[in-house]
């Protein structure tokens, strides 16, 4: 399905750079997500240019990606920074993370408006526009739901949304909030529907920003807007600095910081009531047996270090020797199924726990998806990168086993967890796969 997006401002901003001759004859790179790169590349191609590659800080995204009929090369930021910068230009287009990206590249020696150009940067006029849009949107919610309505805003990846929702019921009861309305993006919608949170309105990322700016501008707004992801980029708060405090684990940052609840608070796990006949049909269609299928999830975008592919290949070979079938839980449009003869299985988030239980086993990287399926009654094995806590980088997302293990978070006590080193040693990865096979 073709995306519908208003690119008029990008056409204006990029058009000015082209008209001034700042991009012609240059080797063009970009930081930003794939849809944004597609928008930029489309305009460049109309003017006889195109992007050389997309630069990304996540090594798991590196490689070749097909998107909307075009091919894009994605390279790691470290590889990009080693290049000869003569005749090289970097374009940044990210609605939410442009400032962090710009700061990173300026520290690396790039100069804004010379070899670094930022599209859609938040000027004063744009901030004022966001404030007005947020104010108008909240006013309309008050007109519809009453002056005493509490506006609760979701945002972020699947895992964050799920952890927010776990403690919402107790938060609402503790604060005697009866009249409320929930807002969130399309990602949030998947989680909100699982928990049956109503009334709910889906909004786009720009409206999320508008509500955030309005919240910061208006003292009154802080009385009736609850922004669950208050540590997001609009707010001058380094969430990673708090999360690297050894007194906290991952769930504490939601239960205590977001909701102000104590350790006795219990999460509200949603019900997963997928029809078993539907599951039977799904597995039969793909050709996977009930109870003898292992679902692999090798990608996690909040983690920089990933096991080498030889690990997954060795693991899959051992699984087949033990009589298991293998299914890859991936997005075929942006993630590669690199295991020979492995099936690809896709399902809705609301069906995730029943799917894992029907399959029989799950092995994956520690990701937000693991939070969602933590209650599944099946064999669950989760992988974490080893982390040197004596060296702390507050720009890094914390994902070590000490911080986010399921037992310490109180989500599950039956998850088998392994740490792995960042190494090129093939023998190490084969032995790690053998250790996992022993406990399966």
Protein backbone atom coordinates (compact mmCIF):
# COMPACT_ATOMS: atom_id res chain seq x y z
CA UNK A 1 0.00 0.00 0.00
CA UNK A 2 1.38 3.42 -0.93
CA UNK A 3 1.95 5.77 1.98
CA UNK A 4 0.00 9.00 2.09
CA UNK A 5 2.15 11.82 3.38
CA UNK A 6 2.27 15.58 2.97
CA UNK A 7 5.79 16.29 1.69
CA UNK A 8 5.27 19.93 0.79
CA UNK A 9 7.56 21.29 3.52
CA UNK A 10 10.29 18.81 2.61
CA UNK A 11 9.98 19.83 -1.03
CA UNK A 12 10.42 23.46 0.02
CA UNK A 13 13.38 22.85 2.36
CA UNK A 14 15.14 20.47 -0.03
CA UNK A 15 14.27 22.64 -3.02
CA UNK A 16 16.08 25.61 -1.47
CA UNK A 17 19.25 23.55 -1.04
CA UNK A 18 19.02 22.36 -4.65
CA UNK A 19 18.32 25.86 -6.00
CA UNK A 20 21.37 27.20 -4.16
CA UNK A 21 23.55 24.48 -5.70
CA UNK A 22 24.53 23.01 -2.33
CA UNK A 23 23.81 19.39 -3.28
CA UNK A 24 24.71 19.10 -6.96
CA UNK A 25 27.82 17.05 -7.64
CA UNK A 26 27.97 15.85 -4.04
CA UNK A 27 27.94 12.34 -2.61
CA UNK A 28 24.67 12.46 -0.65
CA UNK A 29 24.02 10.54 2.57
CA UNK A 30 21.07 10.79 4.95
CA UNK A 31 20.19 10.03 8.56
CA UNK A 32 16.55 9.18 9.19
CA UNK A 33 14.18 6.28 8.78
CA UNK A 34 13.50 4.48 5.52
CA UNK A 35 10.15 6.21 4.72
CA UNK A 36 11.79 9.61 5.22
CA UNK A 37 14.69 8.57 3.02
CA UNK A 38 12.22 7.53 0.33
CA UNK A 39 10.61 10.99 0.43
CA UNK A 40 13.99 12.71 0.15
CA UNK A 41 15.25 10.38 -2.56
CA UNK A 42 12.11 10.91 -4.64
CA UNK A 43 12.69 14.67 -4.70
CA UNK A 44 16.41 14.26 -5.39
CA UNK A 45 15.74 11.94 -8.34
CA UNK A 46 13.45 14.54 -9.89
CA UNK A 47 16.50 16.80 -9.92
CA UNK A 48 18.99 14.27 -11.29
CA UNK A 49 20.43 13.17 -7.94
CA UNK A 50 19.93 10.37 -5.45
CA UNK A 51 21.06 9.22 -2.03
CA UNK A 52 24.25 7.16 -1.87
CA UNK A 53 23.28 5.53 1.42
CA UNK A 54 21.37 5.90 4.69
CA UNK A 55 23.47 6.26 7.84
CA UNK A 56 22.19 4.49 10.96
CA UNK A 57 23.59 4.06 14.47
CA UNK A 58 22.05 0.60 14.77
CA UNK A 59 24.37 -2.00 13.20
CA UNK A 60 21.46 -4.45 12.93
CA UNK A 61 19.91 -2.27 10.24
CA UNK A 62 23.00 -2.23 8.02
CA UNK A 63 22.61 -3.84 4.61
CA UNK A 64 20.50 -3.48 1.49
CA UNK A 65 16.79 -2.75 1.83
CA UNK A 66 14.05 -2.58 -0.79
CA UNK A 67 11.34 -0.02 -0.14
CA UNK A 68 8.55 1.26 -2.37
CA UNK A 69 10.19 -0.01 -5.55
CA UNK A 70 13.68 1.34 -4.82
CA UNK A 71 16.83 -0.10 -3.25
CA UNK A 72 18.61 1.59 -0.34
CA UNK A 73 22.01 0.88 1.18
CA UNK A 74 22.17 1.35 4.96
CA UNK A 75 25.61 1.76 6.56
CA UNK A 76 26.71 2.08 10.17
CA UNK A 77 27.58 5.52 11.48
CA UNK A 78 31.09 4.32 12.35
CA UNK A 79 31.70 3.25 8.74
CA UNK A 80 30.33 6.56 7.45
CA UNK A 81 32.61 8.63 9.70
CA UNK A 82 35.69 6.87 8.30
CA UNK A 83 34.96 8.12 4.77
CA UNK A 84 36.84 10.89 3.00
CA UNK A 85 34.54 13.89 3.44
CA UNK A 86 35.66 15.69 0.31
CA UNK A 87 32.53 16.27 -1.76
CA UNK A 88 30.35 14.51 0.83
CA UNK A 89 27.09 15.91 2.23
CA UNK A 90 24.91 14.55 5.04
CA UNK A 91 21.19 15.33 5.13
CA UNK A 92 19.27 14.76 8.36
CA UNK A 93 15.52 14.23 8.24
CA UNK A 94 13.99 12.87 11.44
CA UNK A 95 10.97 14.50 13.03
CA UNK A 96 11.89 13.41 16.54
CA UNK A 97 15.62 12.71 16.63
CA UNK A 98 17.13 15.36 14.35
CA UNK A 99 18.76 17.20 17.25
CA UNK A 100 20.56 14.14 18.62
CA UNK A 101 21.71 13.17 15.12
CA UNK A 102 22.94 16.70 14.39
CA UNK A 103 24.82 16.92 17.70
CA UNK A 104 26.49 13.57 16.98
CA UNK A 105 27.71 14.68 13.56
CA UNK A 106 28.75 18.16 14.67
CA UNK A 107 30.88 16.54 17.40
CA UNK A 108 32.39 14.40 14.63
CA UNK A 109 33.45 17.50 12.68
CA UNK A 110 30.53 18.29 10.36
CA UNK A 111 29.45 21.91 9.91
CA UNK A 112 25.80 22.84 9.62
CA UNK A 113 24.85 24.51 6.32
CA UNK A 114 28.17 23.46 4.74
CA UNK A 115 28.33 19.66 4.68
CA UNK A 116 25.43 19.04 7.07
CA UNK A 117 21.83 20.04 6.30
CA UNK A 118 18.80 19.50 8.54
CA UNK A 119 15.30 19.20 7.09
CA UNK A 120 12.29 20.05 9.23
CA UNK A 121 14.42 21.39 12.09
CA UNK A 122 12.25 22.87 14.82
CA UNK A 123 12.46 26.62 14.36
CA UNK A 124 10.71 29.01 16.75
CA UNK A 125 7.83 29.43 14.29
CA UNK A 126 7.39 25.65 14.05
CA UNK A 127 7.38 25.31 17.84
CA UNK A 128 4.69 27.99 18.12
CA UNK A 129 2.68 26.16 15.47
CA UNK A 130 3.00 22.93 17.46
CA UNK A 131 1.80 24.67 20.62
CA UNK A 132 -1.25 26.07 18.83
CA UNK A 133 -2.11 22.71 17.25
CA UNK A 134 -1.77 20.92 20.57
CA UNK A 135 -3.92 23.51 22.33
CA UNK A 136 -6.63 23.28 19.68
CA UNK A 137 -6.66 19.48 19.75
CA UNK A 138 -6.94 19.32 23.56
CA UNK A 139 -9.69 21.97 23.52
CA UNK A 140 -11.73 19.79 21.17
CA UNK A 141 -11.25 16.79 23.49
CA UNK A 142 -12.58 18.89 26.38
CA UNK A 143 -15.60 19.91 24.33
CA UNK A 144 -16.34 16.27 23.56
CA UNK A 145 -15.54 14.57 26.88
CA UNK A 146 -15.95 17.33 29.47
CA UNK A 147 -13.69 19.75 31.32
CA UNK A 148 -12.67 17.10 33.87
CA UNK A 149 -11.31 14.63 31.29
CA UNK A 150 -7.79 13.27 31.86
CA UNK A 151 -5.87 13.03 28.56
CA UNK A 152 -3.45 10.09 28.64
CA UNK A 153 -0.87 10.00 25.85
CA UNK A 154 0.96 6.85 24.71
CA UNK A 155 4.01 6.87 22.49
CA UNK A 156 7.10 4.80 21.74
CA UNK A 157 7.88 1.25 20.60
CA UNK A 158 5.78 -1.83 21.39
CA UNK A 159 7.60 -2.73 24.60
CA UNK A 160 7.26 0.72 26.16
CA UNK A 161 3.57 0.89 25.29
CA UNK A 162 2.99 -2.53 26.83
CA UNK A 163 4.79 -1.65 30.08
CA UNK A 164 2.86 1.63 30.30
CA UNK A 165 -0.43 -0.24 29.97
CA UNK A 166 0.45 -2.80 32.67
CA UNK A 167 0.05 -0.25 35.46
CA UNK A 168 -2.60 2.07 34.03
CA UNK A 169 -5.53 0.46 35.84
CA UNK A 170 -3.92 0.83 39.26
CA UNK A 171 -2.83 4.38 38.47
CA UNK A 172 -6.37 5.36 37.47
CA UNK A 173 -7.87 3.76 40.58
CA UNK A 174 -5.28 5.28 42.94
CA UNK A 175 -5.87 8.77 41.53
CA UNK A 176 -9.66 8.34 41.26
CA UNK A 177 -9.67 9.10 37.53
CA UNK A 178 -12.97 8.07 35.97
CA UNK A 179 -13.27 10.41 32.99
CA UNK A 180 -10.32 9.76 30.70
CA UNK A 181 -9.41 9.52 27.04
CA UNK A 182 -6.40 7.69 25.59
CA UNK A 183 -4.26 8.88 22.68
CA UNK A 184 -1.52 7.08 20.79
CA UNK A 185 0.14 6.38 17.46
CA UNK A 186 -0.52 3.38 15.22
CA UNK A 187 2.02 1.39 17.25
CA UNK A 188 0.23 2.29 20.47
CA UNK A 189 -3.09 1.21 18.96
CA UNK A 190 -1.95 -2.42 18.85
CA UNK A 191 -1.28 -2.41 22.60
CA UNK A 192 -4.25 -0.26 23.61
CA UNK A 193 -6.61 -2.67 21.85
CA UNK A 194 -5.09 -5.60 23.75
CA UNK A 195 -5.92 -3.92 27.06
CA UNK A 196 -9.35 -2.67 25.99
CA UNK A 197 -8.58 0.96 26.82
CA UNK A 198 -11.45 3.24 25.73
CA UNK A 199 -12.20 5.83 24.50
CA UNK A 200 -9.12 5.95 22.31
CA UNK A 201 -7.99 8.20 19.45
CA UNK A 202 -5.11 7.39 17.12
CA UNK A 203 -2.91 10.39 16.31
CA UNK A 204 0.20 10.85 14.18
CA UNK A 205 3.70 11.58 15.46
CA UNK A 206 3.43 15.27 14.72
CA UNK A 207 0.32 15.58 16.90
CA UNK A 208 2.20 13.79 19.69
CA UNK A 209 4.86 16.49 19.39
CA UNK A 210 2.23 19.22 19.39
CA UNK A 211 0.69 17.92 22.61
CA UNK A 212 4.15 17.68 24.16
CA UNK A 213 5.00 21.27 23.28
CA UNK A 214 1.61 22.48 24.51
CA UNK A 215 2.17 20.57 27.76
CA UNK A 216 5.52 22.32 28.29
CA UNK A 217 4.13 25.73 27.39
CA UNK A 218 0.92 25.71 29.43
CA UNK A 219 0.94 25.28 33.19
CA UNK A 220 -2.77 24.42 33.10
CA UNK A 221 -2.20 21.60 30.60
CA UNK A 222 -0.04 19.79 33.13
CA UNK A 223 -3.11 19.41 35.35
CA UNK A 224 -5.07 17.27 32.90
CA UNK A 225 -2.54 15.73 30.47
CA UNK A 226 -0.64 12.60 31.49
CA UNK A 227 2.25 11.99 29.10
CA UNK A 228 3.40 8.45 29.74
CA UNK A 229 6.62 8.80 27.70
CA UNK A 230 7.55 12.07 29.43
CA UNK A 231 11.23 11.19 28.96
CA UNK A 232 10.91 11.51 25.18
CA UNK A 233 12.98 13.98 23.21
CA UNK A 234 10.92 17.15 23.72
CA UNK A 235 11.68 17.11 27.43
CA UNK A 236 15.08 18.01 28.82
CA UNK A 237 15.51 14.80 30.73
CA UNK A 238 18.04 12.05 30.10
CA UNK A 239 16.15 8.82 30.75
CA UNK A 240 19.31 6.77 30.25
CA UNK A 241 21.02 8.65 33.09
CA UNK A 242 18.26 7.52 35.44
CA UNK A 243 18.21 3.99 34.06
CA UNK A 244 21.93 3.55 34.66
CA UNK A 245 21.38 4.08 38.39
CA UNK A 246 22.02 0.61 39.84
CA UNK A 247 19.12 1.05 42.29
CA UNK A 248 16.57 0.72 39.51
CA UNK A 249 15.53 -2.06 37.18
CA UNK A 250 13.59 -1.56 33.96
CA UNK A 251 10.08 -1.90 35.38
CA UNK A 252 10.88 0.58 38.19
CA UNK A 253 11.20 3.36 35.64
CA UNK A 254 7.57 2.78 34.64
CA UNK A 255 6.00 1.83 37.95
CA UNK A 256 7.70 4.54 40.02
CA UNK A 257 8.71 7.33 37.67
CA UNK A 258 5.76 7.28 35.25
CA UNK A 259 2.95 6.35 37.63
CA UNK A 260 4.25 7.04 41.15
CA UNK A 261 3.28 3.53 42.33
CA UNK A 262 5.13 1.45 44.90
CA UNK A 263 6.70 -2.01 44.58
CA UNK A 264 3.54 -3.72 45.85
CA UNK A 265 1.71 -2.61 42.71
CA UNK A 266 0.78 -5.51 40.47
CA UNK A 267 0.78 -5.44 36.67
CA UNK A 268 -2.50 -6.04 34.87
CA UNK A 269 -1.74 -8.70 32.26
CA UNK A 270 -4.14 -8.59 29.29
CA UNK A 271 -6.09 -11.66 28.26
CA UNK A 272 -5.11 -13.47 25.07
CA UNK A 273 -8.15 -15.34 23.79
CA UNK A 274 -7.25 -16.23 20.21
CA UNK A 275 -9.45 -18.95 18.73
CA UNK A 276 -7.50 -22.23 18.78
CA UNK A 277 -8.98 -23.30 15.46
CA UNK A 278 -7.49 -20.16 13.91
CA UNK A 279 -4.12 -21.11 15.32
CA UNK A 280 -4.46 -24.63 13.99
CA UNK A 281 -5.22 -23.26 10.53
CA UNK A 282 -2.33 -20.79 10.67
CA UNK A 283 0.23 -23.44 11.58
CA UNK A 284 -1.19 -25.94 9.09
CA UNK A 285 -1.04 -23.38 6.29
CA UNK A 286 2.63 -22.62 6.99
CA UNK A 287 3.48 -26.26 7.63
CA UNK A 288 4.50 -26.01 11.28
CA UNK A 289 3.70 -28.68 13.91
CA UNK A 290 1.99 -27.89 17.20
CA UNK A 291 4.30 -28.17 20.21
CA UNK A 292 7.43 -28.87 18.14
CA UNK A 293 8.03 -25.45 16.60
CA UNK A 294 10.63 -22.97 17.80
CA UNK A 295 9.93 -19.34 16.92
CA UNK A 296 13.15 -17.35 16.49
CA UNK A 297 13.35 -13.56 16.85
CA UNK A 298 16.93 -12.57 15.91
CA UNK A 299 16.38 -8.82 15.57
CA UNK A 300 16.15 -6.21 18.36
CA UNK A 301 16.68 -2.59 17.41
CA UNK A 302 17.37 -1.25 20.88
CA UNK A 303 20.47 -3.50 21.10
CA UNK A 304 23.69 -2.63 19.29
CA UNK A 305 25.51 -5.96 19.72
CA UNK A 306 23.90 -9.01 18.12
CA UNK A 307 25.03 -12.63 17.92
CA UNK A 308 26.82 -13.48 14.70
CA UNK A 309 24.81 -15.34 12.10
CA UNK A 310 26.88 -18.47 12.64
CA UNK A 311 25.19 -18.68 16.05
CA UNK A 312 21.68 -18.70 14.58
CA UNK A 313 22.70 -21.11 11.83
CA UNK A 314 24.31 -23.50 14.30
CA UNK A 315 21.31 -23.20 16.61
CA UNK A 316 18.83 -23.91 13.81
CA UNK A 317 20.80 -26.97 12.71
CA UNK A 318 20.77 -28.30 16.26
CA UNK A 319 17.05 -27.62 16.61
CA UNK A 320 16.30 -29.63 13.50
CA UNK A 321 18.45 -32.48 14.81
CA UNK A 322 16.23 -32.48 17.92
CA UNK A 323 13.09 -32.75 15.79
CA UNK A 324 11.94 -29.12 15.87
CA UNK A 325 10.62 -27.02 13.02
CA UNK A 326 11.81 -23.42 12.80
CA UNK A 327 9.77 -20.27 12.25
CA UNK A 328 11.22 -16.77 11.92
CA UNK A 329 9.27 -13.93 13.51
CA UNK A 330 10.46 -11.15 11.21
CA UNK A 331 9.19 -8.37 9.00
CA UNK A 332 10.01 -9.67 5.49
CA UNK A 333 9.97 -6.13 4.07
CA UNK A 334 12.95 -4.98 6.14
CA UNK A 335 14.43 -8.05 7.84
CA UNK A 336 16.19 -10.96 6.17
CA UNK A 337 15.24 -14.59 6.70
CA UNK A 338 18.81 -15.87 6.62
CA UNK A 339 18.12 -19.40 7.92
CA UNK A 340 17.74 -21.90 5.05
CA UNK A 341 14.28 -23.50 4.82
CA UNK A 342 12.98 -21.63 7.86
CA UNK A 343 9.35 -20.56 7.64
CA UNK A 344 8.29 -16.97 8.22
CA UNK A 345 5.39 -16.56 10.63
CA UNK A 346 3.40 -13.33 11.00
CA UNK A 347 0.65 -12.62 13.52
CA UNK A 348 -1.10 -9.80 15.33
CA UNK A 349 0.23 -8.69 18.69
CA UNK A 350 -3.02 -9.76 20.36
CA UNK A 351 -2.32 -13.31 19.15
CA UNK A 352 1.34 -13.42 20.19
CA UNK A 353 1.02 -15.38 23.45
CA UNK A 354 -1.36 -18.04 22.01
CA UNK A 355 0.93 -18.41 18.97
CA UNK A 356 3.99 -19.05 21.15
CA UNK A 357 2.07 -21.49 23.34
CA UNK A 358 0.82 -23.38 20.29
CA UNK A 359 4.34 -23.47 18.81
CA UNK A 360 5.96 -24.70 22.00
CA UNK A 361 9.15 -22.62 22.24
CA UNK A 362 10.60 -19.15 21.64
CA UNK A 363 14.23 -17.98 21.35
CA UNK A 364 14.93 -14.33 20.76
CA UNK A 365 16.87 -11.18 21.48
CA UNK A 366 15.73 -9.10 24.44
CA UNK A 367 13.22 -6.71 22.91
CA UNK A 368 9.88 -5.13 23.67
CA UNK A 369 8.17 -8.09 22.05
CA UNK A 370 9.61 -10.24 24.86
CA UNK A 371 7.72 -8.12 27.41
CA UNK A 372 4.47 -8.79 25.58
CA UNK A 373 4.97 -12.58 25.45
CA UNK A 374 6.50 -12.95 28.93
CA UNK A 375 3.32 -14.63 30.25
CA UNK A 376 3.29 -17.33 27.54
CA UNK A 377 3.23 -20.87 28.92
CA UNK A 378 5.99 -22.32 26.77
CA UNK A 379 9.76 -22.62 26.76
CA UNK A 380 11.16 -19.08 26.49
CA UNK A 381 14.85 -18.32 25.98
CA UNK A 382 16.03 -14.70 25.78
CA UNK A 383 19.49 -13.36 24.85
CA UNK A 384 21.23 -10.30 26.32
CA UNK A 385 24.52 -8.62 25.38
CA UNK A 386 27.14 -8.61 28.12
CA UNK A 387 27.53 -5.08 29.46
CA UNK A 388 30.50 -3.48 31.18
CA UNK A 389 28.76 -1.37 33.83
CA UNK A 390 32.05 0.26 34.85
CA UNK A 391 31.89 2.23 31.59
CA UNK A 392 28.63 4.15 31.30
CA UNK A 393 27.51 5.95 28.17
CA UNK A 394 24.36 7.89 28.99
CA UNK A 395 23.47 8.10 25.29
CA UNK A 396 23.16 4.32 25.18
CA UNK A 397 19.91 2.46 25.78
CA UNK A 398 20.42 0.10 28.70
CA UNK A 399 19.46 -3.52 27.95
CA UNK A 400 21.66 -5.70 30.15
CA UNK A 401 20.36 -8.70 32.07
CA UNK A 402 20.74 -6.99 35.45
CA UNK A 403 18.45 -4.17 34.40
CA UNK A 404 15.81 -5.93 32.32
CA UNK A 405 15.61 -9.59 33.28
CA UNK A 406 12.05 -10.82 33.63
CA UNK A 407 12.49 -12.19 37.13
CA UNK A 408 13.80 -8.87 38.51
CA UNK A 409 11.00 -7.01 36.71
CA UNK A 410 8.41 -9.35 38.24
CA UNK A 411 6.94 -10.30 34.86
CA UNK A 412 7.94 -13.97 34.71
CA UNK A 413 10.10 -16.46 36.57
CA UNK A 414 10.26 -19.14 33.87
CA UNK A 415 12.35 -17.30 31.25
CA UNK A 416 15.76 -18.87 30.59
CA UNK A 417 18.25 -16.07 30.00
CA UNK A 418 21.70 -16.08 28.40
CA UNK A 419 24.31 -13.36 28.03
CA UNK A 420 26.61 -13.25 25.03
CA UNK A 421 29.93 -11.57 24.28
CA UNK A 422 30.68 -9.34 21.34
CA UNK A 423 33.23 -11.54 19.57
CA UNK A 424 34.20 -12.81 16.14
CA UNK A 425 35.20 -16.22 17.57
CA UNK A 426 33.19 -18.80 15.59
CA UNK A 427 33.81 -21.49 18.18
CA UNK A 428 32.29 -19.28 20.89
CA UNK A 429 29.02 -18.94 18.97
CA UNK A 430 28.80 -22.65 18.26
CA UNK A 431 29.31 -23.46 21.95
CA UNK A 432 26.66 -20.90 22.94
CA UNK A 433 24.17 -22.55 20.59
CA UNK A 434 25.01 -25.92 22.16
CA UNK A 435 24.38 -24.55 25.66
CA UNK A 436 20.96 -23.33 24.58
CA UNK A 437 20.11 -26.63 22.95
CA UNK A 438 20.87 -28.40 26.24
CA UNK A 439 18.11 -26.54 28.09
CA UNK A 440 15.48 -26.70 25.37
